[in-house]
Amino acid sequence: MTKQVLYCRATGLIIEWQDTELFAYAAPTVANGALPITAEQWVQKELPHLVFNGELTKVETPQPSPSHYWDGTQWVLSLADTAESESLDAEQLCARVDAAADSARQVIAGDPLLTLEYARAATDAQAFKDEGYPKKAVPLAISAWVVKGRTAKQATDEILEKAAQFNESLLTLRTLRLKAKEKIKAHIAKGKMDLARDASDEAVMAIGNLLMVQEV
């Protein structure tokens, strides 16, 4: 025999049709095999083939996807491969949403030390408000904001308002992220990959819009 096919031992898929009379080919790797073929088989090399049970087999259609395998008569979808593929797709789309949310969180929160400072100021402001804004016991964090004609009460209310906006933004961001990931997983579980991608795109866009509102 002067002709052979190089094929994958794991899947039976044809890698290359080889004419050993014209070319010298390297020995196959452990993962691949070489199968001698007849002149009649060589003539039909343009048609879909694979190696099944050690024989070159002509198939009516090419392999639909990497998750399909030949059972001797037809292509069959491998449920295990499909589940693994869906799991990877879900992880990638969810990771995209997480990355967008992480970047947005850094923009909203800013410097971690300043975030702690603002949180402490908000705590002091709330305590000051709960005590009825006593004029003789204004916390340092409040008095530092009593400028440009602000009273201690106005400064306190502004600090609390900003803290509420900050917390609301983080809560909105968290809600967007978690809901989007649940949608993605639900769509993929139903085999609706397009809807899963749409959910990921919509979440990333919504996160971007949230940042735009913060900058206004």
N, C-alpha and C. Protein backbone atom coordinates (compact mmCIF):
# COMPACT_ATOMS: atom_id res chain seq x y z
N MET A 1 0.83 -1.20 0.00
CA MET A 1 0.00 0.00 0.00
C MET A 1 0.88 1.26 0.00
N THR A 2 0.53 2.21 -0.85
CA THR A 2 1.30 3.46 -0.89
C THR A 2 0.49 4.64 -0.36
N LYS A 3 -0.73 4.35 0.07
CA LYS A 3 -1.58 5.43 0.57
C LYS A 3 -2.12 5.06 1.94
N GLN A 4 -2.30 6.09 2.77
CA GLN A 4 -2.79 5.86 4.12
C GLN A 4 -3.48 7.11 4.64
N VAL A 5 -4.17 6.97 5.75
CA VAL A 5 -4.76 8.15 6.41
C VAL A 5 -4.14 8.27 7.80
N LEU A 6 -3.86 9.49 8.19
CA LEU A 6 -3.42 9.77 9.56
C LEU A 6 -4.67 10.18 10.33
N TYR A 7 -4.92 9.53 11.45
CA TYR A 7 -6.16 9.81 12.17
C TYR A 7 -5.91 9.90 13.68
N CYS A 8 -6.86 10.52 14.37
CA CYS A 8 -6.80 10.64 15.82
C CYS A 8 -7.36 9.37 16.44
N ARG A 9 -6.58 8.73 17.30
CA ARG A 9 -7.03 7.48 17.91
C ARG A 9 -8.23 7.69 18.83
N ALA A 10 -8.31 8.84 19.46
CA ALA A 10 -9.38 9.10 20.42
C ALA A 10 -10.73 9.30 19.75
N THR A 11 -10.74 10.02 18.62
CA THR A 11 -12.01 10.36 17.98
C THR A 11 -12.23 9.67 16.64
N GLY A 12 -11.15 9.15 16.03
CA GLY A 12 -11.27 8.52 14.72
C GLY A 12 -11.28 9.51 13.58
N LEU A 13 -11.19 10.80 13.88
CA LEU A 13 -11.25 11.82 12.85
C LEU A 13 -9.98 11.80 11.99
N ILE A 14 -10.17 12.00 10.68
CA ILE A 14 -9.06 12.00 9.75
C ILE A 14 -8.28 13.31 9.85
N ILE A 15 -6.99 13.20 10.05
CA ILE A 15 -6.13 14.38 10.14
C ILE A 15 -5.54 14.71 8.78
N GLU A 16 -5.13 13.66 8.04
CA GLU A 16 -4.49 13.89 6.74
C GLU A 16 -4.55 12.62 5.89
N TRP A 17 -4.77 12.82 4.59
CA TRP A 17 -4.67 11.73 3.62
C TRP A 17 -3.25 11.76 3.08
N GLN A 18 -2.53 10.66 3.15
CA GLN A 18 -1.11 10.64 2.83
C GLN A 18 -0.79 9.66 1.70
N ASP A 19 -0.03 10.16 0.73
CA ASP A 19 0.46 9.32 -0.36
C ASP A 19 1.94 9.06 -0.09
N THR A 20 2.25 7.90 0.44
CA THR A 20 3.63 7.60 0.85
C THR A 20 4.55 7.33 -0.33
N GLU A 21 3.99 7.23 -1.51
CA GLU A 21 4.81 7.04 -2.70
C GLU A 21 5.43 8.37 -3.14
N LEU A 22 4.73 9.45 -2.83
CA LEU A 22 5.21 10.77 -3.22
C LEU A 22 5.97 11.48 -2.11
N PHE A 23 5.61 11.22 -0.87
CA PHE A 23 6.23 11.91 0.26
C PHE A 23 6.61 10.94 1.36
N ALA A 24 7.60 11.33 2.13
CA ALA A 24 8.00 10.55 3.30
C ALA A 24 7.43 11.25 4.53
N TYR A 25 6.58 10.58 5.26
CA TYR A 25 5.91 11.18 6.41
C TYR A 25 6.54 10.69 7.72
N ALA A 26 6.53 11.54 8.70
CA ALA A 26 7.05 11.16 10.02
C ALA A 26 6.13 10.12 10.65
N ALA A 27 6.68 9.33 11.55
CA ALA A 27 5.88 8.32 12.24
C ALA A 27 4.82 9.02 13.09
N PRO A 28 3.62 8.46 13.19
CA PRO A 28 2.56 9.08 13.99
C PRO A 28 2.94 9.16 15.46
N THR A 29 2.39 10.16 16.14
CA THR A 29 2.58 10.26 17.58
C THR A 29 1.73 9.20 18.27
N VAL A 30 1.88 9.08 19.58
CA VAL A 30 1.11 8.09 20.33
C VAL A 30 -0.38 8.34 20.21
N ALA A 31 -0.77 9.62 20.12
CA ALA A 31 -2.20 9.96 20.07
C ALA A 31 -2.82 9.70 18.71
N ASN A 32 -1.98 9.55 17.67
CA ASN A 32 -2.49 9.37 16.32
C ASN A 32 -2.12 8.00 15.76
N GLY A 33 -2.77 7.62 14.67
CA GLY A 33 -2.48 6.34 14.03
C GLY A 33 -2.45 6.50 12.52
N ALA A 34 -1.83 5.56 11.82
CA ALA A 34 -1.80 5.56 10.36
C ALA A 34 -2.46 4.28 9.88
N LEU A 35 -3.44 4.41 8.98
CA LEU A 35 -4.19 3.27 8.48
C LEU A 35 -4.04 3.17 6.95
N PRO A 36 -3.49 2.07 6.43
CA PRO A 36 -3.38 1.89 4.98
C PRO A 36 -4.77 1.85 4.36
N ILE A 37 -4.90 2.42 3.15
CA ILE A 37 -6.19 2.44 2.47
C ILE A 37 -6.03 1.98 1.03
N THR A 38 -7.15 1.64 0.39
CA THR A 38 -7.13 1.17 -0.99
C THR A 38 -7.20 2.33 -1.96
N ALA A 39 -6.93 2.05 -3.22
CA ALA A 39 -7.00 3.07 -4.27
C ALA A 39 -8.43 3.58 -4.39
N GLU A 40 -9.41 2.68 -4.20
CA GLU A 40 -10.81 3.08 -4.29
C GLU A 40 -11.18 4.05 -3.16
N GLN A 41 -10.67 3.79 -1.98
CA GLN A 41 -10.92 4.71 -0.86
C GLN A 41 -10.24 6.05 -1.09
N TRP A 42 -9.06 6.02 -1.67
CA TRP A 42 -8.33 7.25 -1.94
C TRP A 42 -9.10 8.16 -2.89
N VAL A 43 -9.74 7.58 -3.87
CA VAL A 43 -10.52 8.35 -4.84
C VAL A 43 -11.66 9.10 -4.16
N GLN A 44 -12.18 8.56 -3.07
CA GLN A 44 -13.31 9.17 -2.37
C GLN A 44 -12.89 10.03 -1.18
N LYS A 45 -11.63 10.46 -1.18
CA LYS A 45 -11.11 11.20 -0.02
C LYS A 45 -11.78 12.55 0.20
N GLU A 46 -12.46 13.09 -0.81
CA GLU A 46 -13.14 14.38 -0.64
C GLU A 46 -14.41 14.23 0.20
N LEU A 47 -14.88 13.01 0.36
CA LEU A 47 -16.08 12.77 1.17
C LEU A 47 -15.72 12.61 2.64
N PRO A 48 -16.66 12.88 3.54
CA PRO A 48 -16.38 12.75 4.98
C PRO A 48 -16.08 11.30 5.36
N HIS A 49 -14.99 11.09 6.06
CA HIS A 49 -14.61 9.76 6.55
C HIS A 49 -14.13 9.86 7.99
N LEU A 50 -14.09 8.70 8.64
CA LEU A 50 -13.42 8.58 9.92
C LEU A 50 -13.02 7.12 10.11
N VAL A 51 -12.15 6.87 11.06
CA VAL A 51 -11.72 5.51 11.35
C VAL A 51 -12.53 4.99 12.53
N PHE A 52 -13.27 3.90 12.30
CA PHE A 52 -14.12 3.34 13.34
C PHE A 52 -13.83 1.84 13.42
N ASN A 53 -13.49 1.38 14.62
CA ASN A 53 -13.14 -0.03 14.83
C ASN A 53 -12.04 -0.49 13.88
N GLY A 54 -11.06 0.38 13.66
CA GLY A 54 -9.91 0.02 12.85
C GLY A 54 -10.13 0.04 11.35
N GLU A 55 -11.30 0.52 10.90
CA GLU A 55 -11.59 0.56 9.47
C GLU A 55 -11.97 1.97 9.05
N LEU A 56 -11.58 2.32 7.83
CA LEU A 56 -11.97 3.61 7.28
C LEU A 56 -13.45 3.56 6.92
N THR A 57 -14.22 4.46 7.51
CA THR A 57 -15.67 4.45 7.33
C THR A 57 -16.13 5.76 6.71
N LYS A 58 -16.96 5.65 5.69
CA LYS A 58 -17.51 6.85 5.05
C LYS A 58 -18.78 7.26 5.81
N VAL A 59 -18.86 8.53 6.14
CA VAL A 59 -20.03 9.04 6.86
C VAL A 59 -20.77 10.01 5.96
N GLU A 60 -22.09 10.14 6.16
CA GLU A 60 -22.89 10.98 5.30
C GLU A 60 -22.63 12.46 5.51
N THR A 61 -22.37 12.84 6.76
CA THR A 61 -22.14 14.25 7.09
C THR A 61 -20.91 14.39 7.97
N PRO A 62 -20.23 15.54 7.93
CA PRO A 62 -19.09 15.76 8.81
C PRO A 62 -19.54 15.80 10.27
N GLN A 63 -18.60 15.70 11.17
CA GLN A 63 -18.90 15.75 12.60
C GLN A 63 -19.56 17.10 12.93
N PRO A 64 -20.78 17.10 13.46
CA PRO A 64 -21.50 18.36 13.74
C PRO A 64 -20.77 19.27 14.72
N SER A 65 -20.14 18.66 15.74
CA SER A 65 -19.43 19.44 16.74
C SER A 65 -18.45 18.52 17.46
N PRO A 66 -17.48 19.10 18.18
CA PRO A 66 -16.55 18.26 18.94
C PRO A 66 -17.24 17.39 20.00
N SER A 67 -18.49 17.73 20.34
CA SER A 67 -19.22 16.98 21.36
C SER A 67 -19.94 15.77 20.77
N HIS A 68 -19.85 15.57 19.44
CA HIS A 68 -20.50 14.44 18.79
C HIS A 68 -19.49 13.31 18.54
N TYR A 69 -19.94 12.07 18.66
CA TYR A 69 -19.10 10.92 18.36
C TYR A 69 -19.88 9.95 17.46
N TRP A 70 -19.14 9.13 16.71
CA TRP A 70 -19.76 8.19 15.78
C TRP A 70 -20.02 6.87 16.49
N ASP A 71 -21.27 6.39 16.42
CA ASP A 71 -21.60 5.14 17.12
C ASP A 71 -21.62 3.94 16.18
N GLY A 72 -21.19 4.15 14.95
CA GLY A 72 -21.18 3.08 13.96
C GLY A 72 -22.19 3.29 12.86
N THR A 73 -23.24 4.06 13.16
CA THR A 73 -24.28 4.33 12.16
C THR A 73 -24.61 5.82 12.04
N GLN A 74 -24.35 6.58 13.10
CA GLN A 74 -24.70 8.00 13.08
C GLN A 74 -23.90 8.78 14.12
N TRP A 75 -23.95 10.11 13.99
CA TRP A 75 -23.31 10.97 14.98
C TRP A 75 -24.22 11.10 16.20
N VAL A 76 -23.65 10.94 17.37
CA VAL A 76 -24.42 11.02 18.61
C VAL A 76 -23.79 12.08 19.51
N LEU A 77 -24.65 12.89 20.11
CA LEU A 77 -24.17 13.94 21.00
C LEU A 77 -23.75 13.36 22.33
N SER A 78 -22.53 13.66 22.75
CA SER A 78 -22.02 13.19 24.04
C SER A 78 -22.52 14.12 25.14
N LEU A 79 -23.35 13.59 26.02
CA LEU A 79 -23.91 14.41 27.08
C LEU A 79 -22.83 14.91 28.03
N ALA A 80 -21.82 14.08 28.26
CA ALA A 80 -20.73 14.48 29.17
C ALA A 80 -19.96 15.65 28.59
N ASP A 81 -19.63 15.58 27.29
CA ASP A 81 -18.91 16.67 26.64
C ASP A 81 -19.75 17.93 26.59
N THR A 82 -21.05 17.75 26.34
CA THR A 82 -21.94 18.91 26.28
C THR A 82 -22.01 19.61 27.63
N ALA A 83 -22.13 18.83 28.68
CA ALA A 83 -22.20 19.41 30.03
C ALA A 83 -20.92 20.15 30.35
N GLU A 84 -19.78 19.56 29.97
CA GLU A 84 -18.49 20.22 30.24
C GLU A 84 -18.37 21.50 29.45
N SER A 85 -18.81 21.47 28.19
CA SER A 85 -18.76 22.67 27.34
C SER A 85 -19.65 23.77 27.90
N GLU A 86 -20.86 23.39 28.33
CA GLU A 86 -21.78 24.37 28.89
C GLU A 86 -21.21 24.98 30.17
N SER A 87 -20.54 24.15 30.96
CA SER A 87 -19.94 24.64 32.20
C SER A 87 -18.86 25.67 31.90
N LEU A 88 -18.04 25.39 30.88
CA LEU A 88 -16.99 26.34 30.51
C LEU A 88 -17.58 27.63 29.97
N ASP A 89 -18.64 27.52 29.14
CA ASP A 89 -19.30 28.71 28.60
C ASP A 89 -19.86 29.57 29.73
N ALA A 90 -20.50 28.93 30.69
CA ALA A 90 -21.08 29.66 31.82
C ALA A 90 -19.99 30.36 32.62
N GLU A 91 -18.88 29.68 32.85
CA GLU A 91 -17.78 30.26 33.61
C GLU A 91 -17.20 31.49 32.90
N GLN A 92 -17.05 31.40 31.59
CA GLN A 92 -16.48 32.50 30.83
C GLN A 92 -17.40 33.72 30.82
N LEU A 93 -18.69 33.49 30.60
CA LEU A 93 -19.63 34.60 30.57
C LEU A 93 -19.80 35.24 31.95
N CYS A 94 -19.82 34.41 32.98
CA CYS A 94 -19.93 34.93 34.35
C CYS A 94 -18.66 35.69 34.74
N ALA A 95 -17.51 35.17 34.31
CA ALA A 95 -16.24 35.83 34.62
C ALA A 95 -16.19 37.21 33.97
N ARG A 96 -16.79 37.34 32.79
CA ARG A 96 -16.84 38.64 32.11
C ARG A 96 -17.65 39.64 32.92
N VAL A 97 -18.77 39.19 33.46
CA VAL A 97 -19.60 40.06 34.30
C VAL A 97 -18.86 40.42 35.59
N ASP A 98 -18.20 39.44 36.19
CA ASP A 98 -17.44 39.69 37.42
C ASP A 98 -16.33 40.71 37.19
N ALA A 99 -15.65 40.60 36.06
CA ALA A 99 -14.55 41.51 35.75
C ALA A 99 -15.07 42.94 35.61
N ALA A 100 -16.21 43.10 34.92
CA ALA A 100 -16.81 44.43 34.76
C ALA A 100 -17.23 45.00 36.10
N ALA A 101 -17.80 44.14 36.95
CA ALA A 101 -18.26 44.57 38.27
C ALA A 101 -17.07 44.95 39.16
N ASP A 102 -16.00 44.19 39.09
CA ASP A 102 -14.81 44.49 39.90
C ASP A 102 -14.21 45.84 39.51
N SER A 103 -14.15 46.09 38.20
CA SER A 103 -13.60 47.37 37.73
C SER A 103 -14.48 48.53 38.17
N ALA A 104 -15.80 48.32 38.08
CA ALA A 104 -16.74 49.36 38.49
C ALA A 104 -16.64 49.63 39.99
N ARG A 105 -16.48 48.56 40.76
CA ARG A 105 -16.37 48.72 42.21
C ARG A 105 -15.13 49.55 42.59
N GLN A 106 -14.05 49.35 41.88
CA GLN A 106 -12.83 50.10 42.15
C GLN A 106 -13.03 51.58 41.83
N VAL A 107 -13.79 51.85 40.75
CA VAL A 107 -14.05 53.24 40.38
C VAL A 107 -14.96 53.90 41.42
N ILE A 108 -16.00 53.19 41.85
CA ILE A 108 -16.95 53.75 42.81
C ILE A 108 -16.30 53.94 44.18
N ALA A 109 -15.58 52.92 44.63
CA ALA A 109 -15.00 52.97 45.98
C ALA A 109 -13.75 53.84 46.04
N GLY A 110 -12.96 53.81 44.97
CA GLY A 110 -11.74 54.61 44.97
C GLY A 110 -10.69 54.07 45.92
N ASP A 111 -9.93 54.99 46.51
CA ASP A 111 -8.86 54.64 47.43
C ASP A 111 -9.43 53.94 48.67
N PRO A 112 -8.94 52.75 49.01
CA PRO A 112 -9.46 52.01 50.18
C PRO A 112 -9.36 52.80 51.48
N LEU A 113 -8.27 53.56 51.64
CA LEU A 113 -8.09 54.35 52.87
C LEU A 113 -9.12 55.47 52.95
N LEU A 114 -9.40 56.10 51.80
CA LEU A 114 -10.42 57.15 51.79
C LEU A 114 -11.80 56.56 52.07
N THR A 115 -12.02 55.35 51.56
CA THR A 115 -13.30 54.68 51.80
C THR A 115 -13.51 54.45 53.29
N LEU A 116 -12.45 54.02 53.96
CA LEU A 116 -12.53 53.83 55.41
C LEU A 116 -12.78 55.15 56.13
N GLU A 117 -12.13 56.19 55.64
CA GLU A 117 -12.30 57.52 56.25
C GLU A 117 -13.74 58.00 56.11
N TYR A 118 -14.32 57.81 54.91
CA TYR A 118 -15.70 58.22 54.67
C TYR A 118 -16.68 57.39 55.50
N ALA A 119 -16.38 56.10 55.64
CA ALA A 119 -17.24 55.23 56.44
C ALA A 119 -17.23 55.67 57.90
N ARG A 120 -16.05 56.05 58.39
CA ARG A 120 -15.96 56.51 59.78
C ARG A 120 -16.71 57.83 59.96
N ALA A 121 -16.59 58.70 58.96
CA ALA A 121 -17.29 59.98 59.02
C ALA A 121 -18.80 59.75 59.02
N ALA A 122 -19.27 58.80 58.22
CA ALA A 122 -20.69 58.51 58.17
C ALA A 122 -21.18 57.95 59.49
N THR A 123 -20.36 57.12 60.12
CA THR A 123 -20.73 56.56 61.43
C THR A 123 -20.85 57.67 62.47
N ASP A 124 -19.88 58.58 62.47
CA ASP A 124 -19.91 59.72 63.41
C ASP A 124 -21.10 60.62 63.13
N ALA A 125 -21.40 60.82 61.84
CA ALA A 125 -22.51 61.69 61.46
C ALA A 125 -23.84 61.10 61.92
N GLN A 126 -23.98 59.79 61.77
CA GLN A 126 -25.22 59.16 62.18
C GLN A 126 -25.41 59.26 63.69
N ALA A 127 -24.31 59.06 64.43
CA ALA A 127 -24.37 59.15 65.89
C ALA A 127 -24.71 60.58 66.32
N PHE A 128 -24.11 61.56 65.64
CA PHE A 128 -24.35 62.97 65.93
C PHE A 128 -25.81 63.32 65.66
N LYS A 129 -26.36 62.80 64.56
CA LYS A 129 -27.75 63.05 64.22
C LYS A 129 -28.68 62.41 65.25
N ASP A 130 -28.36 61.17 65.65
CA ASP A 130 -29.19 60.46 66.62
C ASP A 130 -29.23 61.19 67.97
N GLU A 131 -28.16 61.92 68.24
CA GLU A 131 -28.10 62.66 69.51
C GLU A 131 -28.78 64.02 69.42
N GLY A 132 -29.30 64.33 68.22
CA GLY A 132 -30.02 65.59 68.06
C GLY A 132 -29.16 66.76 67.64
N TYR A 133 -28.02 66.53 67.00
CA TYR A 133 -27.11 67.57 66.53
C TYR A 133 -26.66 68.51 67.65
N PRO A 134 -26.11 67.99 68.72
CA PRO A 134 -25.69 68.87 69.83
C PRO A 134 -24.57 69.82 69.40
N LYS A 135 -24.80 71.12 69.53
CA LYS A 135 -23.85 72.12 69.05
C LYS A 135 -22.51 72.09 69.79
N LYS A 136 -22.53 71.63 71.05
CA LYS A 136 -21.29 71.63 71.83
C LYS A 136 -20.53 70.31 71.75
N ALA A 137 -21.01 69.39 70.91
CA ALA A 137 -20.34 68.09 70.80
C ALA A 137 -20.26 67.66 69.34
N VAL A 138 -19.76 68.59 68.50
CA VAL A 138 -19.65 68.29 67.07
C VAL A 138 -18.41 67.43 66.82
N PRO A 139 -18.56 66.24 66.26
CA PRO A 139 -17.40 65.38 65.99
C PRO A 139 -16.44 66.04 65.00
N LEU A 140 -15.18 65.68 65.07
CA LEU A 140 -14.16 66.27 64.20
C LEU A 140 -14.49 66.05 62.74
N ALA A 141 -15.00 64.84 62.39
CA ALA A 141 -15.33 64.53 61.00
C ALA A 141 -16.42 65.45 60.47
N ILE A 142 -17.30 65.92 61.38
CA ILE A 142 -18.38 66.82 60.99
C ILE A 142 -17.86 68.26 60.89
N SER A 143 -17.12 68.67 61.89
CA SER A 143 -16.61 70.05 61.92
C SER A 143 -15.71 70.34 60.73
N ALA A 144 -15.02 69.31 60.23
CA ALA A 144 -14.14 69.50 59.07
C ALA A 144 -14.95 69.83 57.82
N TRP A 145 -16.23 69.51 57.83
CA TRP A 145 -17.11 69.75 56.69
C TRP A 145 -17.98 70.98 56.89
N VAL A 146 -17.82 71.63 58.04
CA VAL A 146 -18.57 72.86 58.32
C VAL A 146 -17.80 74.03 57.72
N VAL A 147 -17.93 74.17 56.40
CA VAL A 147 -17.25 75.23 55.65
C VAL A 147 -18.23 75.82 54.65
N LYS A 148 -17.86 76.94 54.10
CA LYS A 148 -18.68 77.62 53.07
C LYS A 148 -20.11 77.85 53.55
N GLY A 149 -20.24 78.23 54.79
CA GLY A 149 -21.55 78.58 55.32
C GLY A 149 -22.39 77.42 55.77
N ARG A 150 -21.86 76.19 55.74
CA ARG A 150 -22.63 75.04 56.20
C ARG A 150 -22.73 75.04 57.72
N THR A 151 -23.87 74.63 58.20
CA THR A 151 -24.01 74.42 59.63
C THR A 151 -23.60 72.97 59.92
N ALA A 152 -23.45 72.64 61.19
CA ALA A 152 -23.09 71.28 61.57
C ALA A 152 -24.19 70.32 61.13
N LYS A 153 -25.42 70.75 61.22
CA LYS A 153 -26.54 69.90 60.81
C LYS A 153 -26.50 69.65 59.30
N GLN A 154 -26.24 70.70 58.53
CA GLN A 154 -26.17 70.55 57.08
C GLN A 154 -25.01 69.64 56.67
N ALA A 155 -23.89 69.83 57.34
CA ALA A 155 -22.72 69.00 57.05
C ALA A 155 -23.02 67.53 57.35
N THR A 156 -23.68 67.30 58.47
CA THR A 156 -24.04 65.93 58.87
C THR A 156 -24.96 65.30 57.84
N ASP A 157 -25.99 66.04 57.44
CA ASP A 157 -26.96 65.49 56.48
C ASP A 157 -26.32 65.21 55.12
N GLU A 158 -25.38 66.07 54.71
CA GLU A 158 -24.69 65.86 53.43
C GLU A 158 -23.81 64.62 53.48
N ILE A 159 -23.12 64.46 54.59
CA ILE A 159 -22.26 63.28 54.75
C ILE A 159 -23.09 62.00 54.71
N LEU A 160 -24.23 62.01 55.39
CA LEU A 160 -25.10 60.83 55.41
C LEU A 160 -25.72 60.58 54.03
N GLU A 161 -26.04 61.66 53.32
CA GLU A 161 -26.61 61.50 51.98
C GLU A 161 -25.60 60.87 51.02
N LYS A 162 -24.36 61.35 51.09
CA LYS A 162 -23.31 60.79 50.23
C LYS A 162 -23.04 59.33 50.58
N ALA A 163 -23.06 59.01 51.87
CA ALA A 163 -22.83 57.63 52.30
C ALA A 163 -23.95 56.72 51.79
N ALA A 164 -25.19 57.24 51.82
CA ALA A 164 -26.33 56.45 51.33
C ALA A 164 -26.22 56.21 49.83
N GLN A 165 -25.80 57.23 49.09
CA GLN A 165 -25.61 57.09 47.64
C GLN A 165 -24.53 56.06 47.33
N PHE A 166 -23.45 56.12 48.10
CA PHE A 166 -22.33 55.19 47.93
C PHE A 166 -22.79 53.75 48.16
N ASN A 167 -23.50 53.54 49.27
CA ASN A 167 -23.98 52.19 49.60
C ASN A 167 -24.99 51.69 48.57
N GLU A 168 -25.83 52.60 48.09
CA GLU A 168 -26.82 52.22 47.09
C GLU A 168 -26.16 51.80 45.79
N SER A 169 -25.10 52.52 45.42
CA SER A 169 -24.38 52.19 44.18
C SER A 169 -23.75 50.80 44.28
N LEU A 170 -23.14 50.51 45.41
CA LEU A 170 -22.51 49.19 45.60
C LEU A 170 -23.57 48.08 45.62
N LEU A 171 -24.72 48.37 46.25
CA LEU A 171 -25.80 47.39 46.31
C LEU A 171 -26.37 47.14 44.92
N THR A 172 -26.53 48.22 44.15
CA THR A 172 -27.03 48.08 42.77
C THR A 172 -26.06 47.27 41.93
N LEU A 173 -24.77 47.55 42.10
CA LEU A 173 -23.75 46.82 41.37
C LEU A 173 -23.78 45.33 41.71
N ARG A 174 -23.89 45.03 42.98
CA ARG A 174 -23.94 43.64 43.44
C ARG A 174 -25.17 42.93 42.88
N THR A 175 -26.31 43.62 42.88
CA THR A 175 -27.55 43.04 42.38
C THR A 175 -27.46 42.75 40.89
N LEU A 176 -26.89 43.70 40.13
CA LEU A 176 -26.71 43.50 38.69
C LEU A 176 -25.85 42.27 38.42
N ARG A 177 -24.77 42.16 39.17
CA ARG A 177 -23.82 41.06 38.96
C ARG A 177 -24.47 39.70 39.25
N LEU A 178 -25.11 39.59 40.41
CA LEU A 178 -25.68 38.31 40.81
C LEU A 178 -26.86 37.89 39.92
N LYS A 179 -27.73 38.85 39.58
CA LYS A 179 -28.88 38.52 38.73
C LYS A 179 -28.42 38.09 37.34
N ALA A 180 -27.41 38.79 36.82
CA ALA A 180 -26.91 38.46 35.49
C ALA A 180 -26.32 37.05 35.46
N LYS A 181 -25.57 36.70 36.49
CA LYS A 181 -24.96 35.36 36.53
C LYS A 181 -26.02 34.27 36.65
N GLU A 182 -27.08 34.55 37.38
CA GLU A 182 -28.16 33.57 37.49
C GLU A 182 -28.86 33.40 36.14
N LYS A 183 -29.06 34.50 35.42
CA LYS A 183 -29.69 34.43 34.10
C LYS A 183 -28.83 33.63 33.13
N ILE A 184 -27.54 33.91 33.16
CA ILE A 184 -26.61 33.22 32.26
C ILE A 184 -26.67 31.71 32.49
N LYS A 185 -26.60 31.31 33.74
CA LYS A 185 -26.62 29.89 34.07
C LYS A 185 -27.95 29.24 33.69
N ALA A 186 -29.03 29.96 33.90
CA ALA A 186 -30.36 29.42 33.58
C ALA A 186 -30.52 29.22 32.07
N HIS A 187 -30.06 30.21 31.29
CA HIS A 187 -30.18 30.11 29.83
C HIS A 187 -29.31 28.96 29.29
N ILE A 188 -28.10 28.83 29.81
CA ILE A 188 -27.20 27.78 29.34
C ILE A 188 -27.75 26.40 29.71
N ALA A 189 -28.36 26.31 30.88
CA ALA A 189 -28.95 25.03 31.31
C ALA A 189 -30.07 24.61 30.36
N LYS A 190 -30.72 25.58 29.72
CA LYS A 190 -31.79 25.27 28.76
C LYS A 190 -31.28 25.19 27.33
N GLY A 191 -29.95 25.33 27.18
CA GLY A 191 -29.36 25.25 25.84
C GLY A 191 -29.52 26.51 25.02
N LYS A 192 -29.86 27.62 25.68
CA LYS A 192 -30.07 28.89 24.97
C LYS A 192 -28.83 29.77 25.10
N MET A 193 -27.81 29.41 24.33
CA MET A 193 -26.53 30.08 24.42
C MET A 193 -26.62 31.55 24.00
N ASP A 194 -27.42 31.82 22.98
CA ASP A 194 -27.55 33.21 22.50
C ASP A 194 -28.12 34.11 23.60
N LEU A 195 -29.12 33.60 24.32
CA LEU A 195 -29.72 34.39 25.40
C LEU A 195 -28.73 34.57 26.54
N ALA A 196 -27.88 33.57 26.76
CA ALA A 196 -26.86 33.66 27.81
C ALA A 196 -25.87 34.77 27.47
N ARG A 197 -25.46 34.82 26.20
CA ARG A 197 -24.53 35.88 25.77
C ARG A 197 -25.19 37.25 25.88
N ASP A 198 -26.49 37.30 25.52
CA ASP A 198 -27.22 38.58 25.62
C ASP A 198 -27.27 39.05 27.07
N ALA A 199 -27.49 38.12 27.99
CA ALA A 199 -27.56 38.46 29.41
C ALA A 199 -26.23 39.01 29.89
N SER A 200 -25.14 38.43 29.41
CA SER A 200 -23.81 38.90 29.78
C SER A 200 -23.57 40.30 29.22
N ASP A 201 -23.93 40.50 27.95
CA ASP A 201 -23.75 41.81 27.31
C ASP A 201 -24.58 42.89 28.01
N GLU A 202 -25.82 42.55 28.33
CA GLU A 202 -26.71 43.51 28.99
C GLU A 202 -26.18 43.89 30.37
N ALA A 203 -25.63 42.93 31.09
CA ALA A 203 -25.10 43.21 32.42
C ALA A 203 -23.89 44.14 32.34
N VAL A 204 -23.01 43.86 31.40
CA VAL A 204 -21.82 44.71 31.24
C VAL A 204 -22.23 46.13 30.86
N MET A 205 -23.23 46.25 30.00
CA MET A 205 -23.72 47.57 29.59
C MET A 205 -24.36 48.30 30.78
N ALA A 206 -25.15 47.58 31.57
CA ALA A 206 -25.81 48.18 32.73
C ALA A 206 -24.78 48.65 33.75
N ILE A 207 -23.72 47.90 33.91
CA ILE A 207 -22.65 48.29 34.84
C ILE A 207 -21.97 49.55 34.33
N GLY A 208 -21.75 49.61 33.01
CA GLY A 208 -21.16 50.81 32.42
C GLY A 208 -22.05 52.02 32.62
N ASN A 209 -23.36 51.85 32.46
CA ASN A 209 -24.31 52.95 32.66
C ASN A 209 -24.31 53.43 34.10
N LEU A 210 -24.14 52.48 35.03
CA LEU A 210 -24.08 52.84 36.45
C LEU A 210 -22.88 53.75 36.72
N LEU A 211 -21.76 53.46 36.08
CA LEU A 211 -20.57 54.28 36.25
C LEU A 211 -20.79 55.68 35.68
N MET A 212 -21.49 55.75 34.54
CA MET A 212 -21.75 57.04 33.92
C MET A 212 -22.59 57.93 34.84
N VAL A 213 -23.55 57.31 35.53
CA VAL A 213 -24.38 58.05 36.47
C VAL A 213 -23.53 58.58 37.62
N GLN A 214 -22.55 57.77 38.06
CA GLN A 214 -21.67 58.17 39.16
C GLN A 214 -20.84 59.38 38.78
N GLU A 215 -20.48 59.47 37.50
CA GLU A 215 -19.59 60.53 37.06
C GLU A 215 -20.32 61.85 36.82
N VAL A 216 -21.66 61.77 36.67
CA VAL A 216 -22.44 62.99 36.41
C VAL A 216 -22.46 63.90 37.64
